[in-house]
């Protein structure tokens, strides 16, 4: 398997998957452990659709699929310029979510 990219950049955002640090326009944004786990999952498979089930496994705690939607919404509030119209963390109807460098 390819070595996962440590630094992932999308738009003005940068995520250090190893340290779990997220910066936006060079400013650090605090993420919860769950948000870091989610972002790690997306960053490791940039552009690929990840199902809620896959994301549940990545987060590792006992979260259900509805909880994933809630977490994605929270994460969008931190990483999206306009969370109502996500550019980076996109919903793929009936399939899940994917992170793209829009």
PDB file of N, CA and C in Angstrom:
ATOM      1  N   UNK A   1       0.846  -1.204   0.000  1.00  0.00           N
ATOM      2  CA  UNK A   1       0.000   0.000   0.000  1.00  0.00           C
ATOM      3  C   UNK A   1       0.874   1.244   0.000  1.00  0.00           C
ATOM      4  N   UNK A   2       0.379   2.265  -0.656  1.00  0.00           N
ATOM      5  CA  UNK A   2       1.120   3.531  -0.710  1.00  0.00           C
ATOM      6  C   UNK A   2       1.170   4.145   0.685  1.00  0.00           C
ATOM      7  N   UNK A   3       2.260   4.790   0.959  1.00  0.00           N
ATOM      8  CA  UNK A   3       2.439   5.474   2.239  1.00  0.00           C
ATOM      9  C   UNK A   3       1.418   6.618   2.306  1.00  0.00           C
ATOM     10  N   UNK A   4       0.588   6.675   3.356  1.00  0.00           N
ATOM     11  CA  UNK A   4      -0.384   7.770   3.392  1.00  0.00           C
ATOM     12  C   UNK A   4       0.327   9.118   3.477  1.00  0.00           C
ATOM     13  N   UNK A   5      -0.238  10.077   2.785  1.00  0.00           N
ATOM     14  CA  UNK A   5       0.354  11.407   2.762  1.00  0.00           C
ATOM     15  C   UNK A   5       0.213  12.025   4.142  1.00  0.00           C
ATOM     16  N   UNK A   6       1.287  12.598   4.639  1.00  0.00           N
ATOM     17  CA  UNK A   6       1.213  13.175   5.969  1.00  0.00           C
ATOM     18  C   UNK A   6       0.521  14.532   5.939  1.00  0.00           C
ATOM     19  N   UNK A   7       0.932  15.373   5.010  1.00  0.00           N
ATOM     20  CA  UNK A   7       0.331  16.699   4.908  1.00  0.00           C
ATOM     21  C   UNK A   7      -0.662  16.720   3.766  1.00  0.00           C
ATOM     22  N   UNK A   8      -1.890  17.045   4.081  1.00  0.00           N
ATOM     23  CA  UNK A   8      -2.921  17.096   3.060  1.00  0.00           C
ATOM     24  C   UNK A   8      -3.429  18.527   2.980  1.00  0.00           C
ATOM     25  N   UNK A   9      -3.439  19.062   1.771  1.00  0.00           N
ATOM     26  CA  UNK A   9      -3.878  20.437   1.569  1.00  0.00           C
ATOM     27  C   UNK A   9      -5.130  20.448   0.715  1.00  0.00           C
ATOM     28  N   UNK A  10      -6.123  21.202   1.153  1.00  0.00           N
ATOM     29  CA  UNK A  10      -7.313  21.407   0.318  1.00  0.00           C
ATOM     30  C   UNK A  10      -7.775  22.837   0.546  1.00  0.00           C
ATOM     31  N   UNK A  11      -7.808  23.605  -0.553  1.00  0.00           N
ATOM     32  CA  UNK A  11      -8.116  25.029  -0.433  1.00  0.00           C
ATOM     33  C   UNK A  11      -7.098  25.692   0.476  1.00  0.00           C
ATOM     34  N   UNK A  12      -7.560  26.582   1.379  1.00  0.00           N
ATOM     35  CA  UNK A  12      -6.633  27.261   2.296  1.00  0.00           C
ATOM     36  C   UNK A  12      -6.324  26.419   3.530  1.00  0.00           C
ATOM     37  N   UNK A  13      -6.754  25.164   3.502  1.00  0.00           N
ATOM     38  CA  UNK A  13      -6.637  24.286   4.662  1.00  0.00           C
ATOM     39  C   UNK A  13      -5.469  23.330   4.529  1.00  0.00           C
ATOM     40  N   UNK A  14      -4.857  23.038   5.670  1.00  0.00           N
ATOM     41  CA  UNK A  14      -3.810  22.022   5.681  1.00  0.00           C
ATOM     42  C   UNK A  14      -4.008  21.140   6.909  1.00  0.00           C
ATOM     43  N   UNK A  15      -3.899  19.831   6.672  1.00  0.00           N
ATOM     44  CA  UNK A  15      -4.070  18.883   7.768  1.00  0.00           C
ATOM     45  C   UNK A  15      -2.839  18.008   7.864  1.00  0.00           C
ATOM     46  N   UNK A  16      -2.257  17.986   9.054  1.00  0.00           N
ATOM     47  CA  UNK A  16      -1.119  17.112   9.329  1.00  0.00           C
ATOM     48  C   UNK A  16      -1.688  15.841   9.955  1.00  0.00           C
ATOM     49  N   UNK A  17      -1.751  14.789   9.139  1.00  0.00           N
ATOM     50  CA  UNK A  17      -2.397  13.549   9.580  1.00  0.00           C
ATOM     51  C   UNK A  17      -1.654  12.892  10.735  1.00  0.00           C
ATOM     52  N   UNK A  18      -0.342  13.087  10.778  1.00  0.00           N
ATOM     53  CA  UNK A  18       0.449  12.462  11.836  1.00  0.00           C
ATOM     54  C   UNK A  18       0.193  13.139  13.183  1.00  0.00           C
ATOM     55  N   UNK A  19       0.234  14.467  13.188  1.00  0.00           N
ATOM     56  CA  UNK A  19       0.038  15.210  14.437  1.00  0.00           C
ATOM     57  C   UNK A  19      -1.437  15.476  14.736  1.00  0.00           C
ATOM     58  N   UNK A  20      -2.274  15.301  13.719  1.00  0.00           N
ATOM     59  CA  UNK A  20      -3.693  15.601  13.910  1.00  0.00           C
ATOM     60  C   UNK A  20      -3.949  17.085  14.028  1.00  0.00           C
ATOM     61  N   UNK A  21      -3.094  17.884  13.378  1.00  0.00           N
ATOM     62  CA  UNK A  21      -3.237  19.344  13.456  1.00  0.00           C
ATOM     63  C   UNK A  21      -3.835  19.898  12.173  1.00  0.00           C
ATOM     64  N   UNK A  22      -4.792  20.787  12.352  1.00  0.00           N
ATOM     65  CA  UNK A  22      -5.478  21.386  11.213  1.00  0.00           C
ATOM     66  C   UNK A  22      -5.261  22.895  11.228  1.00  0.00           C
ATOM     67  N   UNK A  23      -4.855  23.433  10.088  1.00  0.00           N
ATOM     68  CA  UNK A  23      -4.696  24.885   9.992  1.00  0.00           C
ATOM     69  C   UNK A  23      -5.494  25.406   8.805  1.00  0.00           C
ATOM     70  N   UNK A  24      -6.010  26.608   8.983  1.00  0.00           N
ATOM     71  CA  UNK A  24      -6.778  27.269   7.943  1.00  0.00           C
ATOM     72  C   UNK A  24      -6.133  28.622   7.737  1.00  0.00           C
ATOM     73  N   UNK A  25      -5.679  28.862   6.506  1.00  0.00           N
ATOM     74  CA  UNK A  25      -4.958  30.101   6.187  1.00  0.00           C
ATOM     75  C   UNK A  25      -3.835  30.326   7.194  1.00  0.00           C
ATOM     76  N   UNK A  26      -3.168  29.243   7.578  1.00  0.00           N
ATOM     77  CA  UNK A  26      -2.034  29.341   8.488  1.00  0.00           C
ATOM     78  C   UNK A  26      -2.376  29.422   9.960  1.00  0.00           C
ATOM     79  N   UNK A  27      -3.663  29.518  10.297  1.00  0.00           N
ATOM     80  CA  UNK A  27      -4.068  29.584  11.708  1.00  0.00           C
ATOM     81  C   UNK A  27      -4.549  28.219  12.154  1.00  0.00           C
ATOM     82  N   UNK A  28      -4.099  27.829  13.337  1.00  0.00           N
ATOM     83  CA  UNK A  28      -4.488  26.517  13.845  1.00  0.00           C
ATOM     84  C   UNK A  28      -5.941  26.517  14.324  1.00  0.00           C
ATOM     85  N   UNK A  29      -6.658  25.490  13.957  1.00  0.00           N
ATOM     86  CA  UNK A  29      -8.052  25.334  14.363  1.00  0.00           C
ATOM     87  C   UNK A  29      -8.132  24.082  15.229  1.00  0.00           C
ATOM     88  N   UNK A  30      -8.707  24.225  16.420  1.00  0.00           N
ATOM     89  CA  UNK A  30      -8.801  23.080  17.333  1.00  0.00           C
ATOM     90  C   UNK A  30      -9.870  22.107  16.855  1.00  0.00           C
ATOM     91  N   UNK A  31      -9.500  20.833  16.799  1.00  0.00           N
ATOM     92  CA  UNK A  31     -10.449  19.782  16.430  1.00  0.00           C
ATOM     93  C   UNK A  31     -10.591  18.808  17.587  1.00  0.00           C
ATOM     94  N   UNK A  32     -11.756  18.189  17.696  1.00  0.00           N
ATOM     95  CA  UNK A  32     -11.938  17.153  18.710  1.00  0.00           C
ATOM     96  C   UNK A  32     -11.262  15.873  18.219  1.00  0.00           C
ATOM     97  N   UNK A  33     -11.104  14.921  19.115  1.00  0.00           N
ATOM     98  CA  UNK A  33     -10.490  13.634  18.748  1.00  0.00           C
ATOM     99  C   UNK A  33     -11.256  12.954  17.615  1.00  0.00           C
ATOM    100  N   UNK A  34     -12.573  13.016  17.705  1.00  0.00           N
ATOM    101  CA  UNK A  34     -13.413  12.394  16.672  1.00  0.00           C
ATOM    102  C   UNK A  34     -13.227  13.090  15.334  1.00  0.00           C
ATOM    103  N   UNK A  35     -13.163  14.420  15.354  1.00  0.00           N
ATOM    104  CA  UNK A  35     -12.965  15.182  14.115  1.00  0.00           C
ATOM    105  C   UNK A  35     -11.610  14.858  13.488  1.00  0.00           C
ATOM    106  N   UNK A  36     -10.594  14.724  14.331  1.00  0.00           N
ATOM    107  CA  UNK A  36      -9.261  14.349  13.834  1.00  0.00           C
ATOM    108  C   UNK A  36      -9.321  12.962  13.191  1.00  0.00           C
ATOM    109  N   UNK A  37      -9.991  12.016  13.859  1.00  0.00           N
ATOM    110  CA  UNK A  37     -10.102  10.653  13.321  1.00  0.00           C
ATOM    111  C   UNK A  37     -10.821  10.652  11.971  1.00  0.00           C
ATOM    112  N   UNK A  38     -11.876  11.446  11.870  1.00  0.00           N
ATOM    113  CA  UNK A  38     -12.614  11.546  10.610  1.00  0.00           C
ATOM    114  C   UNK A  38     -11.740  12.142   9.517  1.00  0.00           C
ATOM    115  N   UNK A  39     -11.083  13.243   9.856  1.00  0.00           N
ATOM    116  CA  UNK A  39     -10.250  13.923   8.868  1.00  0.00           C
ATOM    117  C   UNK A  39      -9.094  13.029   8.421  1.00  0.00           C
ATOM    118  N   UNK A  40      -8.554  12.255   9.345  1.00  0.00           N
ATOM    119  CA  UNK A  40      -7.493  11.294   8.985  1.00  0.00           C
ATOM    120  C   UNK A  40      -8.008  10.286   7.957  1.00  0.00           C
ATOM    121  N   UNK A  41      -9.217   9.790   8.194  1.00  0.00           N
ATOM    122  CA  UNK A  41      -9.811   8.813   7.274  1.00  0.00           C
ATOM    123  C   UNK A  41      -9.980   9.424   5.887  1.00  0.00           C
ATOM    124  N   UNK A  42     -10.509  10.646   5.839  1.00  0.00           N
ATOM    125  CA  UNK A  42     -10.714  11.315   4.551  1.00  0.00           C
ATOM    126  C   UNK A  42      -9.388  11.649   3.876  1.00  0.00           C
ATOM    127  N   UNK A  43      -8.455  12.161   4.663  1.00  0.00           N
ATOM    128  CA  UNK A  43      -7.162  12.583   4.113  1.00  0.00           C
ATOM    129  C   UNK A  43      -6.392  11.403   3.540  1.00  0.00           C
ATOM    130  N   UNK A  44      -6.552  10.245   4.179  1.00  0.00           N
ATOM    131  CA  UNK A  44      -5.860   9.051   3.709  1.00  0.00           C
ATOM    132  C   UNK A  44      -6.400   8.526   2.392  1.00  0.00           C
ATOM    133  N   UNK A  45      -7.615   8.946   2.075  1.00  0.00           N
ATOM    134  CA  UNK A  45      -8.238   8.472   0.831  1.00  0.00           C
ATOM    135  C   UNK A  45      -8.914   9.641   0.132  1.00  0.00           C
ATOM    136  N   UNK A  46      -8.096  10.650  -0.124  1.00  0.00           N
ATOM    137  CA  UNK A  46      -8.550  11.892  -0.754  1.00  0.00           C
ATOM    138  C   UNK A  46      -9.316  11.599  -2.047  1.00  0.00           C
ATOM    139  N   UNK A  47     -10.485  12.196  -2.176  1.00  0.00           N
ATOM    140  CA  UNK A  47     -11.258  12.048  -3.405  1.00  0.00           C
ATOM    141  C   UNK A  47     -12.102  10.789  -3.480  1.00  0.00           C
ATOM    142  N   UNK A  48     -11.849   9.841  -2.570  1.00  0.00           N
ATOM    143  CA  UNK A  48     -12.627   8.593  -2.584  1.00  0.00           C
ATOM    144  C   UNK A  48     -13.861   8.742  -1.707  1.00  0.00           C
ATOM    145  N   UNK A  49     -14.931   8.091  -2.120  1.00  0.00           N
ATOM    146  CA  UNK A  49     -16.150   8.103  -1.316  1.00  0.00           C
ATOM    147  C   UNK A  49     -15.985   7.126  -0.158  1.00  0.00           C
ATOM    148  N   UNK A  50     -16.208   7.622   1.055  1.00  0.00           N
ATOM    149  CA  UNK A  50     -16.149   6.760   2.239  1.00  0.00           C
ATOM    150  C   UNK A  50     -17.561   6.619   2.790  1.00  0.00           C
ATOM    151  N   UNK A  51     -17.986   5.386   2.972  1.00  0.00           N
ATOM    152  CA  UNK A  51     -19.331   5.146   3.500  1.00  0.00           C
ATOM    153  C   UNK A  51     -19.371   5.488   4.986  1.00  0.00           C
ATOM    154  N   UNK A  52     -20.572   5.681   5.483  1.00  0.00           N
ATOM    155  CA  UNK A  52     -20.730   5.948   6.918  1.00  0.00           C
ATOM    156  C   UNK A  52     -20.176   4.783   7.734  1.00  0.00           C
ATOM    157  N   UNK A  53     -20.383   3.581   7.225  1.00  0.00           N
ATOM    158  CA  UNK A  53     -19.898   2.379   7.916  1.00  0.00           C
ATOM    159  C   UNK A  53     -18.372   2.421   8.049  1.00  0.00           C
ATOM    160  N   UNK A  54     -17.698   2.751   6.949  1.00  0.00           N
ATOM    161  CA  UNK A  54     -16.232   2.880   6.953  1.00  0.00           C
ATOM    162  C   UNK A  54     -15.805   3.949   7.948  1.00  0.00           C
ATOM    163  N   UNK A  55     -16.523   5.063   7.960  1.00  0.00           N
ATOM    164  CA  UNK A  55     -16.178   6.165   8.862  1.00  0.00           C
ATOM    165  C   UNK A  55     -16.403   5.772  10.317  1.00  0.00           C
ATOM    166  N   UNK A  56     -17.454   4.996  10.589  1.00  0.00           N
ATOM    167  CA  UNK A  56     -17.696   4.494  11.952  1.00  0.00           C
ATOM    168  C   UNK A  56     -16.487   3.705  12.430  1.00  0.00           C
ATOM    169  N   UNK A  57     -15.960   2.850  11.542  1.00  0.00           N
ATOM    170  CA  UNK A  57     -14.795   2.034  11.897  1.00  0.00           C
ATOM    171  C   UNK A  57     -13.568   2.907  12.126  1.00  0.00           C
ATOM    172  N   UNK A  58     -13.401   3.936  11.301  1.00  0.00           N
ATOM    173  CA  UNK A  58     -12.243   4.828  11.430  1.00  0.00           C
ATOM    174  C   UNK A  58     -12.261   5.579  12.749  1.00  0.00           C
ATOM    175  N   UNK A  59     -13.456   5.996  13.146  1.00  0.00           N
ATOM    176  CA  UNK A  59     -13.584   6.755  14.388  1.00  0.00           C
ATOM    177  C   UNK A  59     -13.329   5.834  15.574  1.00  0.00           C
ATOM    178  N   UNK A  60     -13.770   4.584  15.432  1.00  0.00           N
ATOM    179  CA  UNK A  60     -13.386   3.585  16.415  1.00  0.00           C
ATOM    180  C   UNK A  60     -14.210   3.548  17.677  1.00  0.00           C
ATOM    181  N   UNK A  61     -14.820   4.663  18.039  1.00  0.00           N
ATOM    182  CA  UNK A  61     -15.655   4.614  19.236  1.00  0.00           C
ATOM    183  C   UNK A  61     -17.025   4.096  18.819  1.00  0.00           C
ATOM    184  N   UNK A  62     -17.859   3.834  19.790  1.00  0.00           N
ATOM    185  CA  UNK A  62     -19.166   3.259  19.481  1.00  0.00           C
ATOM    186  C   UNK A  62     -20.104   4.331  18.933  1.00  0.00           C
ATOM    187  N   UNK A  63     -19.849   4.758  17.710  1.00  0.00           N
ATOM    188  CA  UNK A  63     -20.747   5.735  17.095  1.00  0.00           C
ATOM    189  C   UNK A  63     -21.577   5.025  16.040  1.00  0.00           C
ATOM    190  N   UNK A  64     -22.808   5.483  15.888  1.00  0.00           N
ATOM    191  CA  UNK A  64     -23.632   4.907  14.831  1.00  0.00           C
ATOM    192  C   UNK A  64     -23.572   5.819  13.610  1.00  0.00           C
ATOM    193  N   UNK A  65     -24.267   5.419  12.556  1.00  0.00           N
ATOM    194  CA  UNK A  65     -24.159   6.152  11.304  1.00  0.00           C
ATOM    195  C   UNK A  65     -24.778   7.545  11.379  1.00  0.00           C
ATOM    196  N   UNK A  66     -25.812   7.705  12.204  1.00  0.00           N
ATOM    197  CA  UNK A  66     -26.400   9.043  12.381  1.00  0.00           C
ATOM    198  C   UNK A  66     -25.383   9.961  13.054  1.00  0.00           C
ATOM    199  N   UNK A  67     -24.655   9.411  14.009  1.00  0.00           N
ATOM    200  CA  UNK A  67     -23.644  10.206  14.715  1.00  0.00           C
ATOM    201  C   UNK A  67     -22.570  10.690  13.750  1.00  0.00           C
ATOM    202  N   UNK A  68     -22.275   9.893  12.727  1.00  0.00           N
ATOM    203  CA  UNK A  68     -21.294  10.297  11.714  1.00  0.00           C
ATOM    204  C   UNK A  68     -21.780  11.555  11.006  1.00  0.00           C
ATOM    205  N   UNK A  69     -23.071  11.593  10.656  1.00  0.00           N
ATOM    206  CA  UNK A  69     -23.623  12.784  10.001  1.00  0.00           C
ATOM    207  C   UNK A  69     -23.447  14.022  10.877  1.00  0.00           C
ATOM    208  N   UNK A  70     -23.703  13.854  12.164  1.00  0.00           N
ATOM    209  CA  UNK A  70     -23.559  14.964  13.111  1.00  0.00           C
ATOM    210  C   UNK A  70     -22.104  15.429  13.155  1.00  0.00           C
ATOM    211  N   UNK A  71     -21.180  14.469  13.230  1.00  0.00           N
ATOM    212  CA  UNK A  71     -19.755  14.800  13.284  1.00  0.00           C
ATOM    213  C   UNK A  71     -19.286  15.488  12.004  1.00  0.00           C
ATOM    214  N   UNK A  72     -19.782  15.012  10.860  1.00  0.00           N
ATOM    215  CA  UNK A  72     -19.416  15.628   9.582  1.00  0.00           C
ATOM    216  C   UNK A  72     -19.903  17.078   9.555  1.00  0.00           C
ATOM    217  N   UNK A  73     -21.124  17.304  10.044  1.00  0.00           N
ATOM    218  CA  UNK A  73     -21.668  18.664  10.105  1.00  0.00           C
ATOM    219  C   UNK A  73     -20.785  19.552  10.972  1.00  0.00           C
ATOM    220  N   UNK A  74     -20.357  19.037  12.116  1.00  0.00           N
ATOM    221  CA  UNK A  74     -19.482  19.807  13.014  1.00  0.00           C
ATOM    222  C   UNK A  74     -18.141  20.097  12.366  1.00  0.00           C
ATOM    223  N   UNK A  75     -17.604  19.092  11.697  1.00  0.00           N
ATOM    224  CA  UNK A  75     -16.316  19.247  11.027  1.00  0.00           C
ATOM    225  C   UNK A  75     -16.425  20.295   9.922  1.00  0.00           C
ATOM    226  N   UNK A  76     -17.531  20.265   9.182  1.00  0.00           N
ATOM    227  CA  UNK A  76     -17.742  21.255   8.120  1.00  0.00           C
ATOM    228  C   UNK A  76     -17.735  22.673   8.669  1.00  0.00           C
ATOM    229  N   UNK A  77     -18.302  22.862   9.853  1.00  0.00           N
ATOM    230  CA  UNK A  77     -18.330  24.206  10.448  1.00  0.00           C
ATOM    231  C   UNK A  77     -16.925  24.745  10.660  1.00  0.00           C
ATOM    232  N   UNK A  78     -15.980  23.849  10.845  1.00  0.00           N
ATOM    233  CA  UNK A  78     -14.599  24.273  11.096  1.00  0.00           C
ATOM    234  C   UNK A  78     -13.762  24.375   9.828  1.00  0.00           C
ATOM    235  N   UNK A  79     -14.075  23.550   8.823  1.00  0.00           N
ATOM    236  CA  UNK A  79     -13.182  23.508   7.661  1.00  0.00           C
ATOM    237  C   UNK A  79     -13.740  24.161   6.401  1.00  0.00           C
ATOM    238  N   UNK A  80     -15.043  24.436   6.378  1.00  0.00           N
ATOM    239  CA  UNK A  80     -15.657  24.978   5.166  1.00  0.00           C
ATOM    240  C   UNK A  80     -15.846  26.490   5.251  1.00  0.00           C
ATOM    241  N   UNK A  81     -15.621  27.206   4.132  1.00  0.00           N
ATOM    242  CA  UNK A  81     -15.921  28.640   4.135  1.00  0.00           C
ATOM    243  C   UNK A  81     -17.424  28.871   4.316  1.00  0.00           C
ATOM    244  N   UNK A  82     -18.248  28.016   3.712  1.00  0.00           N
ATOM    245  CA  UNK A  82     -19.696  28.083   3.875  1.00  0.00           C
ATOM    246  C   UNK A  82     -20.225  26.668   4.098  1.00  0.00           C
ATOM    247  N   UNK A  83     -20.435  26.295   5.369  1.00  0.00           N
ATOM    248  CA  UNK A  83     -20.819  24.917   5.688  1.00  0.00           C
ATOM    249  C   UNK A  83     -22.126  24.463   5.031  1.00  0.00           C
ATOM    250  N   UNK A  84     -23.000  25.412   4.666  1.00  0.00           N
ATOM    251  CA  UNK A  84     -24.261  25.045   4.011  1.00  0.00           C
ATOM    252  C   UNK A  84     -24.034  24.552   2.586  1.00  0.00           C
ATOM    253  N   UNK A  85     -22.947  25.021   1.980  1.00  0.00           N
ATOM    254  CA  UNK A  85     -22.598  24.598   0.620  1.00  0.00           C
ATOM    255  C   UNK A  85     -21.172  24.071   0.620  1.00  0.00           C
ATOM    256  N   UNK A  86     -20.989  22.843   1.103  1.00  0.00           N
ATOM    257  CA  UNK A  86     -19.625  22.322   1.281  1.00  0.00           C
ATOM    258  C   UNK A  86     -18.856  22.221  -0.032  1.00  0.00           C
ATOM    259  N   UNK A  87     -17.638  22.734  -0.013  1.00  0.00           N
ATOM    260  CA  UNK A  87     -16.756  22.645  -1.178  1.00  0.00           C
ATOM    261  C   UNK A  87     -15.807  21.469  -1.068  1.00  0.00           C
ATOM    262  N   UNK A  88     -15.352  21.200   0.146  1.00  0.00           N
ATOM    263  CA  UNK A  88     -14.297  20.202   0.344  1.00  0.00           C
ATOM    264  C   UNK A  88     -14.846  18.869   0.820  1.00  0.00           C
ATOM    265  N   UNK A  89     -15.673  18.925   1.848  1.00  0.00           N
ATOM    266  CA  UNK A  89     -16.231  17.692   2.413  1.00  0.00           C
ATOM    267  C   UNK A  89     -17.621  17.502   1.820  1.00  0.00           C
ATOM    268  N   UNK A  90     -17.681  16.729   0.743  1.00  0.00           N
ATOM    269  CA  UNK A  90     -18.906  16.609  -0.048  1.00  0.00           C
ATOM    270  C   UNK A  90     -19.718  15.382   0.338  1.00  0.00           C
ATOM    271  N   UNK A  91     -21.026  15.529   0.277  1.00  0.00           N
ATOM    272  CA  UNK A  91     -21.928  14.399   0.470  1.00  0.00           C
ATOM    273  C   UNK A  91     -22.135  13.723  -0.875  1.00  0.00           C
ATOM    274  N   UNK A  92     -22.049  12.413  -0.898  1.00  0.00           N
ATOM    275  CA  UNK A  92     -22.371  11.648  -2.101  1.00  0.00           C
ATOM    276  C   UNK A  92     -23.641  10.878  -1.766  1.00  0.00           C
ATOM    277  N   UNK A  93     -24.747  11.313  -2.340  1.00  0.00           N
ATOM    278  CA  UNK A  93     -26.068  10.770  -1.972  1.00  0.00           C
ATOM    279  C   UNK A  93     -26.120   9.253  -1.979  1.00  0.00           C
ATOM    280  N   UNK A  94     -26.596   8.710  -0.862  1.00  0.00           N
ATOM    281  CA  UNK A  94     -26.777   7.266  -0.769  1.00  0.00           C
ATOM    282  C   UNK A  94     -25.482   6.483  -0.608  1.00  0.00           C
ATOM    283  N   UNK A  95     -24.338   7.188  -0.626  1.00  0.00           N
ATOM    284  CA  UNK A  95     -23.058   6.477  -0.548  1.00  0.00           C
ATOM    285  C   UNK A  95     -22.205   6.870   0.645  1.00  0.00           C
ATOM    286  N   UNK A  96     -22.166   8.155   0.949  1.00  0.00           N
ATOM    287  CA  UNK A  96     -21.317   8.603   2.051  1.00  0.00           C
ATOM    288  C   UNK A  96     -20.756   9.978   1.779  1.00  0.00           C
ATOM    289  N   UNK A  97     -19.485  10.144   2.084  1.00  0.00           N
ATOM    290  CA  UNK A  97     -18.836  11.446   1.963  1.00  0.00           C
ATOM    291  C   UNK A  97     -17.475  11.304   1.308  1.00  0.00           C
ATOM    292  N   UNK A  98     -16.991  12.408   0.735  1.00  0.00           N
ATOM    293  CA  UNK A  98     -15.613  12.403   0.249  1.00  0.00           C
ATOM    294  C   UNK A  98     -14.991  13.777   0.425  1.00  0.00           C
ATOM    295  N   UNK A  99     -13.686  13.774   0.593  1.00  0.00           N
ATOM    296  CA  UNK A  99     -12.932  15.015   0.746  1.00  0.00           C
ATOM    297  C   UNK A  99     -12.249  15.303  -0.581  1.00  0.00           C
ATOM    298  N   UNK A 100     -12.491  16.500  -1.112  1.00  0.00           N
ATOM    299  CA  UNK A 100     -11.874  16.881  -2.380  1.00  0.00           C
ATOM    300  C   UNK A 100     -11.167  18.217  -2.218  1.00  0.00           C
ATOM    301  N   UNK A 101     -10.175  18.435  -3.060  1.00  0.00           N
ATOM    302  CA  UNK A 101      -9.501  19.727  -3.079  1.00  0.00           C
ATOM    303  C   UNK A 101     -10.190  20.551  -4.149  1.00  0.00           C
ATOM    304  N   UNK A 102     -11.235  21.247  -3.754  1.00  0.00           N
ATOM    305  CA  UNK A 102     -12.079  21.960  -4.725  1.00  0.00           C
ATOM    306  C   UNK A 102     -11.358  23.156  -5.329  1.00  0.00           C
TER     307      UNK A 102
END
